[in-house]
PDB file of N, CA and C in Angstrom:
ATOM      1  N   MET A   1      -9.929 -15.872  -1.758  1.00  0.00           N
ATOM      2  CA  MET A   1      -9.449 -16.818  -2.677  1.00  0.00           C
ATOM      3  C   MET A   1      -8.910 -16.478  -3.573  1.00  0.00           C
ATOM      4  N   ILE A   2      -7.737 -16.922  -4.570  1.00  0.00           N
ATOM      5  CA  ILE A   2      -7.023 -16.311  -5.540  1.00  0.00           C
ATOM      6  C   ILE A   2      -7.274 -17.529  -6.677  1.00  0.00           C
ATOM      7  N   SER A   3      -8.079 -16.795  -7.673  1.00  0.00           N
ATOM      8  CA  SER A   3      -8.308 -17.890  -8.781  1.00  0.00           C
ATOM      9  C   SER A   3      -6.674 -17.680  -9.869  1.00  0.00           C
ATOM     10  N   GLN A   4      -6.706 -19.238 -10.441  1.00  0.00           N
ATOM     11  CA  GLN A   4      -5.452 -19.298 -10.751  1.00  0.00           C
ATOM     12  C   GLN A   4      -5.904 -18.773 -12.639  1.00  0.00           C
ATOM     13  N   PRO A   5      -4.936 -18.142 -13.294  1.00  0.00           N
ATOM     14  CA  PRO A   5      -3.307 -18.117 -13.032  1.00  0.00           C
ATOM     15  C   PRO A   5      -2.977 -16.762 -12.410  1.00  0.00           C
ATOM     16  N   ASN A   6      -3.671 -16.223 -11.458  1.00  0.00           N
ATOM     17  CA  ASN A   6      -3.449 -15.049 -10.451  1.00  0.00           C
ATOM     18  C   ASN A   6      -2.830 -15.482  -9.425  1.00  0.00           C
ATOM     19  N   VAL A   7      -1.660 -14.868  -8.740  1.00  0.00           N
ATOM     20  CA  VAL A   7      -1.029 -15.119  -8.150  1.00  0.00           C
ATOM     21  C   VAL A   7      -0.960 -14.193  -6.550  1.00  0.00           C
ATOM     22  N   GLY A   8      -1.637 -13.116  -6.665  1.00  0.00           N
ATOM     23  CA  GLY A   8      -1.942 -11.771  -5.888  1.00  0.00           C
ATOM     24  C   GLY A   8      -2.842 -11.117  -6.028  1.00  0.00           C
ATOM     25  N   ILE A   9      -3.518 -10.229  -5.291  1.00  0.00           N
ATOM     26  CA  ILE A   9      -4.610  -9.181  -5.233  1.00  0.00           C
ATOM     27  C   ILE A   9      -3.937  -8.150  -4.557  1.00  0.00           C
ATOM     28  N   LEU A  10      -3.990  -7.054  -5.085  1.00  0.00           N
ATOM     29  CA  LEU A  10      -3.607  -5.681  -4.538  1.00  0.00           C
ATOM     30  C   LEU A  10      -4.665  -4.925  -4.106  1.00  0.00           C
ATOM     31  N   GLY A  11      -5.051  -4.452  -2.822  1.00  0.00           N
ATOM     32  CA  GLY A  11      -6.399  -3.657  -2.395  1.00  0.00           C
ATOM     33  C   GLY A  11      -5.896  -2.603  -1.961  1.00  0.00           C
ATOM     34  N   LEU A  12      -6.558  -1.460  -2.469  1.00  0.00           N
ATOM     35  CA  LEU A  12      -6.341   0.011  -2.233  1.00  0.00           C
ATOM     36  C   LEU A  12      -7.643   0.603  -1.709  1.00  0.00           C
ATOM     37  N   GLY A  13      -7.683   1.088  -0.261  1.00  0.00           N
ATOM     38  CA  GLY A  13      -8.644   1.509   0.674  1.00  0.00           C
ATOM     39  C   GLY A  13      -8.877   2.800   0.185  1.00  0.00           C
ATOM     40  N   ALA A  14      -9.872   3.549   0.766  1.00  0.00           N
ATOM     41  CA  ALA A  14     -10.374   4.820   0.464  1.00  0.00           C
ATOM     42  C   ALA A  14      -9.333   5.913   0.982  1.00  0.00           C
ATOM     43  N   ILE A  15      -8.911   6.946   0.533  1.00  0.00           N
ATOM     44  CA  ILE A  15      -7.888   8.361   0.745  1.00  0.00           C
ATOM     45  C   ILE A  15      -8.747   9.055   1.946  1.00  0.00           C
ATOM     46  N   GLU A  16      -8.223   8.665   3.329  1.00  0.00           N
ATOM     47  CA  GLU A  16      -8.960   9.567   4.244  1.00  0.00           C
ATOM     48  C   GLU A  16      -8.157  10.211   4.770  1.00  0.00           C
ATOM     49  N   LYS A  17      -8.472  11.428   5.323  1.00  0.00           N
ATOM     50  CA  LYS A  17      -7.462  12.362   5.947  1.00  0.00           C
ATOM     51  C   LYS A  17      -7.903  12.655   7.627  1.00  0.00           C
ATOM     52  N   PRO A  18      -7.525  11.360   8.277  1.00  0.00           N
ATOM     53  CA  PRO A  18      -7.863  11.586   9.797  1.00  0.00           C
ATOM     54  C   PRO A  18      -6.309  12.441  10.591  1.00  0.00           C
ATOM     55  N   PRO A  19      -6.934  12.796  11.515  1.00  0.00           N
ATOM     56  CA  PRO A  19      -5.791  13.103  12.221  1.00  0.00           C
ATOM     57  C   PRO A  19      -4.748  12.189  12.616  1.00  0.00           C
ATOM     58  N   SER A  20      -3.590  12.634  12.672  1.00  0.00           N
ATOM     59  CA  SER A  20      -2.477  11.677  12.981  1.00  0.00           C
ATOM     60  C   SER A  20      -1.167  12.608  14.119  1.00  0.00           C
ATOM     61  N   GLY A  21      -0.488  11.988  14.764  1.00  0.00           N
ATOM     62  CA  GLY A  21       0.416  12.327  15.420  1.00  0.00           C
ATOM     63  C   GLY A  21       1.954  11.986  15.288  1.00  0.00           C
ATOM     64  N   HIS A  22       2.670  13.105  14.928  1.00  0.00           N
ATOM     65  CA  HIS A  22       3.963  13.018  14.278  1.00  0.00           C
ATOM     66  C   HIS A  22       5.107  13.948  15.013  1.00  0.00           C
ATOM     67  N   GLN A  23       5.762  13.541  15.623  1.00  0.00           N
ATOM     68  CA  GLN A  23       6.746  14.489  16.447  1.00  0.00           C
ATOM     69  C   GLN A  23       6.069  15.437  17.274  1.00  0.00           C
ATOM     70  N   ARG A  24       5.360  14.997  18.167  1.00  0.00           N
ATOM     71  CA  ARG A  24       4.677  15.820  19.149  1.00  0.00           C
ATOM     72  C   ARG A  24       3.750  16.712  18.505  1.00  0.00           C
ATOM     73  N   LEU A  25       2.875  16.504  17.100  1.00  0.00           N
ATOM     74  CA  LEU A  25       2.401  17.251  16.691  1.00  0.00           C
ATOM     75  C   LEU A  25       1.203  16.837  16.177  1.00  0.00           C
ATOM     76  N   ILE A  26      -0.109  17.174  16.155  1.00  0.00           N
ATOM     77  CA  ILE A  26      -1.167  16.869  15.391  1.00  0.00           C
ATOM     78  C   ILE A  26      -1.322  17.482  14.337  1.00  0.00           C
ATOM     79  N   ALA A  27      -1.483  16.644  13.222  1.00  0.00           N
ATOM     80  CA  ALA A  27      -1.753  17.174  11.834  1.00  0.00           C
ATOM     81  C   ALA A  27      -2.653  15.972  11.058  1.00  0.00           C
ATOM     82  N   ILE A  28      -3.220  16.738  10.139  1.00  0.00           N
ATOM     83  CA  ILE A  28      -4.326  15.922   9.256  1.00  0.00           C
ATOM     84  C   ILE A  28      -3.505  15.505   8.271  1.00  0.00           C
ATOM     85  N   ARG A  29      -3.328  14.110   7.903  1.00  0.00           N
ATOM     86  CA  ARG A  29      -2.881  13.915   6.658  1.00  0.00           C
ATOM     87  C   ARG A  29      -3.298  13.178   5.944  1.00  0.00           C
ATOM     88  N   SER A  30      -3.405  12.673   4.512  1.00  0.00           N
ATOM     89  CA  SER A  30      -3.922  11.908   3.337  1.00  0.00           C
ATOM     90  C   SER A  30      -3.269  10.501   3.874  1.00  0.00           C
ATOM     91  N   MET A  31      -4.209   9.446   4.514  1.00  0.00           N
ATOM     92  CA  MET A  31      -3.646   8.248   4.571  1.00  0.00           C
ATOM     93  C   MET A  31      -4.564   7.061   3.521  1.00  0.00           C
ATOM     94  N   CYS A  32      -3.973   5.994   3.240  1.00  0.00           N
ATOM     95  CA  CYS A  32      -4.778   4.941   2.261  1.00  0.00           C
ATOM     96  C   CYS A  32      -4.172   3.659   2.575  1.00  0.00           C
ATOM     97  N   TYR A  33      -5.172   3.000   3.498  1.00  0.00           N
ATOM     98  CA  TYR A  33      -4.441   1.474   3.010  1.00  0.00           C
ATOM     99  C   TYR A  33      -4.398   0.407   2.297  1.00  0.00           C
ATOM    100  N   VAL A  34      -3.377  -0.024   2.043  1.00  0.00           N
ATOM    101  CA  VAL A  34      -2.810  -0.944   0.958  1.00  0.00           C
ATOM    102  C   VAL A  34      -2.909  -2.487   1.475  1.00  0.00           C
ATOM    103  N   THR A  35      -3.436  -3.556   1.149  1.00  0.00           N
ATOM    104  CA  THR A  35      -2.943  -4.590   1.605  1.00  0.00           C
ATOM    105  C   THR A  35      -2.921  -5.694   0.291  1.00  0.00           C
ATOM    106  N   LEU A  36      -2.240  -6.640   0.478  1.00  0.00           N
ATOM    107  CA  LEU A  36      -1.854  -7.346  -0.624  1.00  0.00           C
ATOM    108  C   LEU A  36      -2.133  -9.188  -0.066  1.00  0.00           C
ATOM    109  N   SER A  37      -2.771  -9.499  -0.866  1.00  0.00           N
ATOM    110  CA  SER A  37      -2.982 -11.116  -0.740  1.00  0.00           C
ATOM    111  C   SER A  37      -2.199 -11.711  -1.579  1.00  0.00           C
ATOM    112  N   TYR A  38      -1.602 -12.954  -1.270  1.00  0.00           N
ATOM    113  CA  TYR A  38      -1.007 -13.555  -2.369  1.00  0.00           C
ATOM    114  C   TYR A  38      -0.723 -15.271  -2.113  1.00  0.00           C
ATOM    115  N   ASP A  39      -0.312 -15.805  -2.814  1.00  0.00           N
ATOM    116  CA  ASP A  39      -0.539 -17.247  -2.978  1.00  0.00           C
ATOM    117  C   ASP A  39       0.997 -17.712  -2.227  1.00  0.00           C
ATOM    118  N   HIS A  40       0.902 -18.405  -1.111  1.00  0.00           N
ATOM    119  CA  HIS A  40       2.161 -18.534  -0.729  1.00  0.00           C
ATOM    120  C   HIS A  40       3.076 -19.329  -0.977  1.00  0.00           C
ATOM    121  N   ARG A  41       2.531 -20.371  -1.823  1.00  0.00           N
ATOM    122  CA  ARG A  41       3.323 -21.224  -2.719  1.00  0.00           C
ATOM    123  C   ARG A  41       3.733 -20.763  -3.627  1.00  0.00           C
ATOM    124  N   VAL A  42       3.642 -19.813  -4.385  1.00  0.00           N
ATOM    125  CA  VAL A  42       4.132 -19.224  -5.360  1.00  0.00           C
ATOM    126  C   VAL A  42       5.319 -18.030  -4.998  1.00  0.00           C
ATOM    127  N   VAL A  43       4.651 -16.909  -4.229  1.00  0.00           N
ATOM    128  CA  VAL A  43       5.538 -15.377  -3.532  1.00  0.00           C
ATOM    129  C   VAL A  43       5.880 -15.823  -2.587  1.00  0.00           C
ATOM    130  N   ASP A  44       6.890 -15.726  -2.431  1.00  0.00           N
ATOM    131  CA  ASP A  44       7.908 -15.325  -0.817  1.00  0.00           C
ATOM    132  C   ASP A  44       7.384 -14.188  -0.192  1.00  0.00           C
ATOM    133  N   GLY A  45       7.197 -14.479   1.168  1.00  0.00           N
ATOM    134  CA  GLY A  45       6.998 -13.102   2.091  1.00  0.00           C
ATOM    135  C   GLY A  45       7.829 -12.017   2.062  1.00  0.00           C
ATOM    136  N   ALA A  46       9.166 -12.130   2.064  1.00  0.00           N
ATOM    137  CA  ALA A  46      10.235 -11.130   1.738  1.00  0.00           C
ATOM    138  C   ALA A  46       9.791 -10.369   0.387  1.00  0.00           C
ATOM    139  N   ILE A  47       9.665 -11.110  -0.437  1.00  0.00           N
ATOM    140  CA  ILE A  47       9.445 -10.427  -1.975  1.00  0.00           C
ATOM    141  C   ILE A  47       8.135  -9.375  -2.045  1.00  0.00           C
ATOM    142  N   ALA A  48       7.188 -10.466  -1.095  1.00  0.00           N
ATOM    143  CA  ALA A  48       5.538  -9.596  -1.006  1.00  0.00           C
ATOM    144  C   ALA A  48       6.135  -8.168  -0.374  1.00  0.00           C
ATOM    145  N   HIS A  49       6.979  -8.169   0.726  1.00  0.00           N
ATOM    146  CA  HIS A  49       7.443  -6.963   1.638  1.00  0.00           C
ATOM    147  C   HIS A  49       7.670  -6.207   0.788  1.00  0.00           C
ATOM    148  N   GLN A  50       8.846  -6.481  -0.014  1.00  0.00           N
ATOM    149  CA  GLN A  50       9.669  -5.428  -1.008  1.00  0.00           C
ATOM    150  C   GLN A  50       8.601  -4.764  -1.765  1.00  0.00           C
ATOM    151  N   PHE A  51       7.740  -5.368  -2.499  1.00  0.00           N
ATOM    152  CA  PHE A  51       6.900  -4.806  -3.300  1.00  0.00           C
ATOM    153  C   PHE A  51       6.068  -4.068  -2.811  1.00  0.00           C
ATOM    154  N   LEU A  52       5.232  -4.299  -1.459  1.00  0.00           N
ATOM    155  CA  LEU A  52       4.509  -3.333  -0.899  1.00  0.00           C
ATOM    156  C   LEU A  52       5.422  -2.151  -0.350  1.00  0.00           C
ATOM    157  N   HIS A  53       6.831  -2.219  -0.300  1.00  0.00           N
ATOM    158  CA  HIS A  53       7.719  -1.006   0.050  1.00  0.00           C
ATOM    159  C   HIS A  53       7.542  -0.065  -0.734  1.00  0.00           C
ATOM    160  N   LYS A  54       8.053  -0.976  -2.302  1.00  0.00           N
ATOM    161  CA  LYS A  54       7.814   0.058  -3.233  1.00  0.00           C
ATOM    162  C   LYS A  54       6.767   0.711  -3.689  1.00  0.00           C
ATOM    163  N   VAL A  55       5.574  -0.154  -3.545  1.00  0.00           N
ATOM    164  CA  VAL A  55       4.426   0.537  -3.524  1.00  0.00           C
ATOM    165  C   VAL A  55       4.150   2.031  -2.838  1.00  0.00           C
ATOM    166  N   LYS A  56       4.580   1.871  -1.467  1.00  0.00           N
ATOM    167  CA  LYS A  56       4.468   2.703  -0.558  1.00  0.00           C
ATOM    168  C   LYS A  56       5.352   3.924  -0.908  1.00  0.00           C
ATOM    169  N   GLU A  57       6.529   3.823  -1.453  1.00  0.00           N
ATOM    170  CA  GLU A  57       7.415   5.094  -1.741  1.00  0.00           C
ATOM    171  C   GLU A  57       7.219   5.446  -2.618  1.00  0.00           C
ATOM    172  N   THR A  58       6.577   4.714  -3.719  1.00  0.00           N
ATOM    173  CA  THR A  58       5.899   5.620  -5.175  1.00  0.00           C
ATOM    174  C   THR A  58       5.177   6.339  -4.617  1.00  0.00           C
ATOM    175  N   LEU A  59       4.019   6.219  -3.664  1.00  0.00           N
ATOM    176  CA  LEU A  59       3.043   6.766  -3.870  1.00  0.00           C
ATOM    177  C   LEU A  59       3.357   7.979  -2.615  1.00  0.00           C
ATOM    178  N   GLU A  60       4.276   8.114  -1.817  1.00  0.00           N
ATOM    179  CA  GLU A  60       4.626   9.203  -0.744  1.00  0.00           C
ATOM    180  C   GLU A  60       5.063  10.017  -1.307  1.00  0.00           C
ATOM    181  N   ASN A  61       6.238   9.911  -2.744  1.00  0.00           N
ATOM    182  CA  ASN A  61       6.927  10.894  -3.435  1.00  0.00           C
ATOM    183  C   ASN A  61       6.488  10.768  -4.581  1.00  0.00           C
ATOM    184  N   TRP A  62       5.149  10.790  -4.929  1.00  0.00           N
ATOM    185  CA  TRP A  62       4.446  11.004  -6.246  1.00  0.00           C
ATOM    186  C   TRP A  62       4.668  12.665  -6.271  1.00  0.00           C
ATOM    187  N   ASN A  63       5.282  13.090  -7.639  1.00  0.00           N
ATOM    188  CA  ASN A  63       5.397  14.403  -7.890  1.00  0.00           C
ATOM    189  C   ASN A  63       4.766  14.695  -9.292  1.00  0.00           C
ATOM    190  N   GLU A  64       3.795  13.954  -9.710  1.00  0.00           N
ATOM    191  CA  GLU A  64       3.457  13.962 -11.139  1.00  0.00           C
ATOM    192  C   GLU A  64       2.002  14.422 -10.893  1.00  0.00           C
ATOM    193  N   PRO A  65       1.242  15.333 -11.905  1.00  0.00           N
ATOM    194  CA  PRO A  65      -0.180  15.507 -11.767  1.00  0.00           C
ATOM    195  C   PRO A  65      -0.809  14.499 -12.279  1.00  0.00           C
ATOM    196  N   VAL A  66      -2.011  14.251 -11.549  1.00  0.00           N
ATOM    197  CA  VAL A  66      -3.021  12.935 -11.633  1.00  0.00           C
ATOM    198  C   VAL A  66      -3.797  13.268 -13.135  1.00  0.00           C
ATOM    199  N   LEU A  67      -4.172  14.092 -13.447  1.00  0.00           N
ATOM    200  CA  LEU A  67      -5.013  14.126 -14.776  1.00  0.00           C
ATOM    201  C   LEU A  67      -3.865  14.911 -15.752  1.00  0.00           C
TER     202      LEU A  67
END
């Protein structure tokens, strides 16, 4: 449930390092599940998809130190 005046909630899961397959190799990679809940009356699904895609690209190409 999203309270007014909010129209969305972005959820970030814990960063985990599970083994994953990529190009016939098994590697340990950092993974984080990102979810977005939003009010469909205000936000179009295509715009929400574009937003999540931009968040994904930003996190994957992060090149600044965190601290």
